[in-house]
Amino acid sequence: MDTDDLDPIKKKPVKKDLTRMSIGDLKDYIADLKTEIARAEAAIVTKDKAKSGAESFFKS
């Protein structure tokens, strides 16, 4: 795998101009953000399980 294909780890998202968004668009935006947060939390759980498994493997 080429490391140029990977996204930078510390890339900050571009902030949207919320003043131009309607209430409906803002609610949709919040729903999208909540979905992304849930996806990130699931990735954390998966990585924690893998880390725990590796730690227990190397302890014994």
Protein backbone atom coordinates (compact mmCIF):
# COMPACT_ATOMS: atom_id res chain seq x y z
CA MET A 1 0.00 0.00 0.00
CA ASP A 2 1.26 3.47 -0.84
CA THR A 3 1.14 5.92 2.06
CA ASP A 4 0.22 8.71 -0.38
CA ASP A 5 -3.20 7.05 -0.74
CA LEU A 6 -3.99 7.50 2.97
CA ASP A 7 -5.74 10.55 4.40
CA PRO A 8 -3.69 12.61 6.81
CA ILE A 9 -4.44 11.55 10.38
CA LYS A 10 -4.65 15.06 11.84
CA LYS A 11 -6.69 16.63 9.04
CA LYS A 12 -9.20 19.10 10.49
CA PRO A 13 -12.61 19.31 8.82
CA VAL A 14 -13.58 22.53 7.11
CA LYS A 15 -16.22 24.37 9.12
CA LYS A 16 -19.45 25.11 7.30
CA ASP A 17 -21.06 28.53 7.25
CA LEU A 18 -24.10 27.74 9.37
CA THR A 19 -25.65 31.18 8.88
CA ARG A 20 -26.55 30.30 5.28
CA MET A 21 -28.24 27.03 6.16
CA SER A 22 -31.97 26.64 6.73
CA ILE A 23 -33.34 25.00 9.87
CA GLY A 24 -34.04 21.83 7.88
CA ASP A 25 -30.52 21.82 6.47
CA LEU A 26 -29.10 22.33 9.97
CA LYS A 27 -31.13 19.38 11.27
CA ASP A 28 -29.89 17.23 8.39
CA TYR A 29 -26.33 18.38 9.08
CA ILE A 30 -26.69 17.42 12.76
CA ALA A 31 -28.06 14.01 11.78
CA ASP A 32 -25.09 13.47 9.45
CA LEU A 33 -22.67 14.47 12.22
CA LYS A 34 -24.34 12.11 14.69
CA THR A 35 -24.02 9.29 12.15
CA GLU A 36 -20.33 10.07 11.73
CA ILE A 37 -19.83 10.17 15.51
CA ALA A 38 -21.49 6.76 15.85
CA ARG A 39 -19.21 5.41 13.11
CA ALA A 40 -16.14 6.78 14.92
CA GLU A 41 -17.30 5.32 18.23
CA ALA A 42 -17.79 1.92 16.59
CA ALA A 43 -14.26 2.11 15.18
CA ILE A 44 -12.93 2.87 18.67
CA VAL A 45 -14.73 -0.18 20.09
CA THR A 46 -13.30 -2.38 17.32
CA LYS A 47 -9.78 -1.07 17.89
CA ASP A 48 -10.09 -1.46 21.67
CA LYS A 49 -11.10 -5.11 21.20
CA ALA A 50 -8.16 -5.73 18.88
CA LYS A 51 -5.79 -4.00 21.31
CA SER A 52 -7.10 -6.04 24.25
CA GLY A 53 -6.74 -9.24 22.26
CA ALA A 54 -3.17 -8.40 21.31
CA GLU A 55 -2.28 -7.45 24.88
CA SER A 56 -3.67 -10.69 26.28
CA PHE A 57 -1.88 -12.69 23.58
CA PHE A 58 1.49 -11.16 24.39
CA LYS A 59 1.03 -11.38 28.17
CA SER A 60 0.91 -15.17 28.12
